[in-house]
């Protein structure tokens, strides 16, 4: 799904993204929708690889909740500003018990229009 079609939320705080199996931090969410997310991290991610992730997203009271999902890396580009990498991820599935947490994080932030689907 093209990320331009859905509402996106520009994330104001850094929320960690980790590999589910290893616990390794891949980066931090900078842009989020129900169907995709953009993260910035210290290492590149291979395009088209499917990842099992835990994304820590804000709750209503300011605390963080773990959202378990599967996502496919659609693009990865070096940052123009530092030595980190931007990664565009298409969400393929969310654990059923975590869907409401993702929905709440997107809705609560008041979705801002942002074209992050191509990495620029």
Protein backbone atom coordinates (compact mmCIF):
# COMPACT_ATOMS: atom_id res chain seq x y z
CA UNK A 1 0.00 0.00 0.00
CA UNK A 2 1.29 3.44 -0.89
CA UNK A 3 2.02 5.39 2.32
CA UNK A 4 0.69 8.55 0.69
CA UNK A 5 -2.85 7.21 0.87
CA UNK A 6 -3.10 6.96 4.64
CA UNK A 7 -2.94 9.53 7.40
CA UNK A 8 0.44 9.73 9.07
CA UNK A 9 1.48 11.01 12.44
CA UNK A 10 4.79 12.78 12.84
CA UNK A 11 6.08 11.38 16.12
CA UNK A 12 7.22 14.05 18.58
CA UNK A 13 9.14 11.75 20.98
CA UNK A 14 11.56 8.99 20.07
CA UNK A 15 9.92 5.58 20.32
CA UNK A 16 12.19 2.57 20.10
CA UNK A 17 11.91 -0.14 17.42
CA UNK A 18 13.47 -3.52 18.29
CA UNK A 19 13.81 -6.91 16.64
CA UNK A 20 11.39 -9.20 18.46
CA UNK A 21 13.67 -12.24 18.65
CA UNK A 22 17.01 -10.60 19.48
CA UNK A 23 15.96 -7.42 21.28
CA UNK A 24 18.41 -5.47 19.10
CA UNK A 25 17.41 -1.83 18.62
CA UNK A 26 16.90 -0.98 14.94
CA UNK A 27 16.09 2.66 15.53
CA UNK A 28 13.36 5.10 16.51
CA UNK A 29 9.98 5.87 14.95
CA UNK A 30 9.78 9.27 13.26
CA UNK A 31 6.61 8.82 11.19
CA UNK A 32 3.69 6.46 11.69
CA UNK A 33 0.44 5.34 10.07
CA UNK A 34 -1.75 2.26 10.41
CA UNK A 35 -0.05 0.71 7.37
CA UNK A 36 3.55 1.89 7.60
CA UNK A 37 6.22 3.55 9.64
CA UNK A 38 9.52 5.31 9.10
CA UNK A 39 12.39 4.81 11.49
CA UNK A 40 15.84 6.33 11.82
CA UNK A 41 18.62 4.13 13.10
CA UNK A 42 22.37 3.56 13.22
CA UNK A 43 22.51 0.67 10.72
CA UNK A 44 21.07 0.01 7.27
CA UNK A 45 18.26 -2.51 6.79
CA UNK A 46 18.14 -4.70 3.69
CA UNK A 47 15.27 -3.74 1.39
CA UNK A 48 12.42 -6.29 1.08
CA UNK A 49 13.46 -8.14 4.24
CA UNK A 50 10.56 -9.10 6.52
CA UNK A 51 11.10 -8.18 10.18
CA UNK A 52 9.40 -9.28 13.39
CA UNK A 53 9.39 -6.12 15.50
CA UNK A 54 8.41 -4.61 18.81
CA UNK A 55 7.56 -0.93 18.47
CA UNK A 56 7.22 1.05 21.68
CA UNK A 57 4.37 3.53 21.14
CA UNK A 58 2.90 6.17 23.44
CA UNK A 59 -0.16 5.48 25.53
CA UNK A 60 -2.85 7.93 26.57
CA UNK A 61 -1.17 8.69 29.90
CA UNK A 62 2.28 9.23 28.40
CA UNK A 63 3.59 5.76 29.12
CA UNK A 64 4.81 3.41 26.37
CA UNK A 65 3.25 0.17 25.13
CA UNK A 66 4.88 -2.62 23.15
CA UNK A 67 3.19 -3.20 19.80
CA UNK A 68 4.26 -6.46 18.15
CA UNK A 69 4.13 -6.44 14.38
CA UNK A 70 5.60 -7.82 11.19
CA UNK A 71 6.85 -5.31 8.64
CA UNK A 72 8.69 -5.36 5.33
CA UNK A 73 11.52 -2.90 4.60
CA UNK A 74 10.54 -1.01 1.45
CA UNK A 75 13.48 1.39 1.34
CA UNK A 76 16.63 2.32 3.25
CA UNK A 77 18.67 5.47 2.67
CA UNK A 78 21.54 7.19 4.45
CA UNK A 79 20.58 10.41 6.19
CA UNK A 80 21.65 13.68 4.64
CA UNK A 81 22.19 15.12 8.11
CA UNK A 82 24.20 12.53 10.06
CA UNK A 83 25.53 8.99 9.79
CA UNK A 84 22.18 7.30 10.51
CA UNK A 85 19.79 5.61 8.08
CA UNK A 86 16.12 6.17 7.31
CA UNK A 87 14.05 3.04 6.77
CA UNK A 88 10.52 2.85 5.35
CA UNK A 89 8.58 -0.15 6.64
CA UNK A 90 5.24 -1.45 5.37
CA UNK A 91 3.26 -3.09 8.18
CA UNK A 92 2.09 -6.53 7.07
CA UNK A 93 0.47 -7.66 10.30
CA UNK A 94 -0.06 -6.59 13.89
CA UNK A 95 -0.67 -8.98 16.77
CA UNK A 96 -4.47 -8.89 17.25
CA UNK A 97 -4.22 -7.85 20.88
CA UNK A 98 -1.98 -4.89 19.90
CA UNK A 99 -4.07 -3.40 17.07
CA UNK A 100 -5.89 -1.00 19.42
CA UNK A 101 -2.52 0.32 20.68
CA UNK A 102 -1.39 1.15 17.13
CA UNK A 103 -4.75 2.75 16.34
CA UNK A 104 -4.61 4.84 19.51
CA UNK A 105 -1.06 6.03 18.80
CA UNK A 106 -2.01 7.15 15.29
CA UNK A 107 -5.32 8.76 16.28
CA UNK A 108 -4.11 10.47 19.45
CA UNK A 109 -1.35 12.33 17.74
CA UNK A 110 -3.70 13.95 15.23
CA UNK A 111 -2.53 12.66 11.90
CA UNK A 112 -0.49 15.16 9.96
CA UNK A 113 -0.06 14.75 6.24
CA UNK A 114 3.49 13.77 5.37
CA UNK A 115 4.93 12.10 2.31
CA UNK A 116 7.44 9.72 3.87
CA UNK A 117 6.76 6.84 1.53
CA UNK A 118 9.79 7.54 -0.64
CA UNK A 119 12.32 8.36 2.03
CA UNK A 120 12.59 12.11 1.42
